[in-house]
Amino acid sequence: MMAADQKQDFVELTDAQKKARRSRSIALGLALGALVIVFYVITLAKFGPAILDRVL
């Protein structure tokens, strides 16, 4: 168990590294959102107007 008075070593990121990490996160988020939209559009195209003619 670690004593409370021991110093923990953490890596301190530079501003350039923080900016690169944020850019990657935004790019991944946009890619994931685009993939969700593509799947949604493909699903609607596959079912077409028949999706409204179902028995409840």
C-alpha atoms as a PDB file:
ATOM      1  CA  MET A   1       0.000   0.000   0.000  1.00  0.00           C
ATOM      2  CA  MET A   2       1.292   3.455  -0.842  1.00  0.00           C
ATOM      3  CA  ALA A   3       1.790   5.939   1.946  1.00  0.00           C
ATOM      4  CA  ALA A   4      -0.035   9.241   1.621  1.00  0.00           C
ATOM      5  CA  ASP A   5       3.190  11.250   1.796  1.00  0.00           C
ATOM      6  CA  GLN A   6       4.836   9.489  -1.164  1.00  0.00           C
ATOM      7  CA  LYS A   7       4.941  11.487  -4.371  1.00  0.00           C
ATOM      8  CA  GLN A   8       3.310   9.881  -7.390  1.00  0.00           C
ATOM      9  CA  ASP A   9       5.045  10.275 -10.735  1.00  0.00           C
ATOM     10  CA  PHE A  10       2.781  11.428 -13.530  1.00  0.00           C
ATOM     11  CA  VAL A  11       3.656  12.283 -17.099  1.00  0.00           C
ATOM     12  CA  GLU A  12       3.069  15.956 -17.855  1.00  0.00           C
ATOM     13  CA  LEU A  13       1.958  16.507 -21.434  1.00  0.00           C
ATOM     14  CA  THR A  14       3.196  19.463 -23.429  1.00  0.00           C
ATOM     15  CA  ASP A  15       0.737  21.864 -25.021  1.00  0.00           C
ATOM     16  CA  ALA A  16       1.427  20.335 -28.443  1.00  0.00           C
ATOM     17  CA  GLN A  17       0.665  16.852 -27.113  1.00  0.00           C
ATOM     18  CA  LYS A  18      -2.561  18.067 -25.481  1.00  0.00           C
ATOM     19  CA  LYS A  19      -3.623  19.711 -28.748  1.00  0.00           C
ATOM     20  CA  ALA A  20      -2.822  16.541 -30.722  1.00  0.00           C
ATOM     21  CA  ARG A  21      -4.793  14.410 -28.246  1.00  0.00           C
ATOM     22  CA  ARG A  22      -7.795  16.741 -28.502  1.00  0.00           C
ATOM     23  CA  SER A  23      -7.627  16.703 -32.305  1.00  0.00           C
ATOM     24  CA  ARG A  24      -7.551  12.894 -32.342  1.00  0.00           C
ATOM     25  CA  SER A  25     -10.476  12.739 -29.944  1.00  0.00           C
ATOM     26  CA  ILE A  26     -12.537  15.086 -32.089  1.00  0.00           C
ATOM     27  CA  ALA A  27     -11.650  13.146 -35.255  1.00  0.00           C
ATOM     28  CA  LEU A  28     -12.632   9.840 -33.630  1.00  0.00           C
ATOM     29  CA  GLY A  29     -15.899  11.327 -32.390  1.00  0.00           C
ATOM     30  CA  LEU A  30     -16.770  12.670 -35.837  1.00  0.00           C
ATOM     31  CA  ALA A  31     -15.878   9.340 -37.466  1.00  0.00           C
ATOM     32  CA  LEU A  32     -18.068   7.452 -35.000  1.00  0.00           C
ATOM     33  CA  GLY A  33     -20.944   9.871 -35.553  1.00  0.00           C
ATOM     34  CA  ALA A  34     -20.602   9.517 -39.332  1.00  0.00           C
ATOM     35  CA  LEU A  35     -20.640   5.720 -39.005  1.00  0.00           C
ATOM     36  CA  VAL A  36     -23.839   5.861 -36.955  1.00  0.00           C
ATOM     37  CA  ILE A  37     -25.481   8.081 -39.580  1.00  0.00           C
ATOM     38  CA  VAL A  38     -24.360   5.763 -42.399  1.00  0.00           C
ATOM     39  CA  PHE A  39     -25.804   2.714 -40.608  1.00  0.00           C
ATOM     40  CA  TYR A  40     -29.067   4.585 -39.990  1.00  0.00           C
ATOM     41  CA  VAL A  41     -29.398   5.641 -43.631  1.00  0.00           C
ATOM     42  CA  ILE A  42     -28.557   2.131 -44.879  1.00  0.00           C
ATOM     43  CA  THR A  43     -31.159   0.643 -42.531  1.00  0.00           C
ATOM     44  CA  LEU A  44     -33.829   3.037 -43.762  1.00  0.00           C
ATOM     45  CA  ALA A  45     -32.879   2.352 -47.390  1.00  0.00           C
ATOM     46  CA  LYS A  46     -32.981  -1.399 -46.838  1.00  0.00           C
ATOM     47  CA  PHE A  47     -36.436  -1.417 -45.275  1.00  0.00           C
ATOM     48  CA  GLY A  48     -37.776   1.412 -47.414  1.00  0.00           C
ATOM     49  CA  PRO A  49     -41.422   2.350 -47.114  1.00  0.00           C
ATOM     50  CA  ALA A  50     -42.243  -1.166 -45.852  1.00  0.00           C
ATOM     51  CA  ILE A  51     -41.068  -0.103 -42.395  1.00  0.00           C
ATOM     52  CA  LEU A  52     -44.332   1.825 -41.987  1.00  0.00           C
ATOM     53  CA  ASP A  53     -46.534  -1.134 -43.036  1.00  0.00           C
ATOM     54  CA  ARG A  54     -46.025  -3.366 -40.049  1.00  0.00           C
ATOM     55  CA  VAL A  55     -48.577  -4.873 -37.687  1.00  0.00           C
ATOM     56  CA  LEU A  56     -48.371  -3.526 -34.165  1.00  0.00           C
END
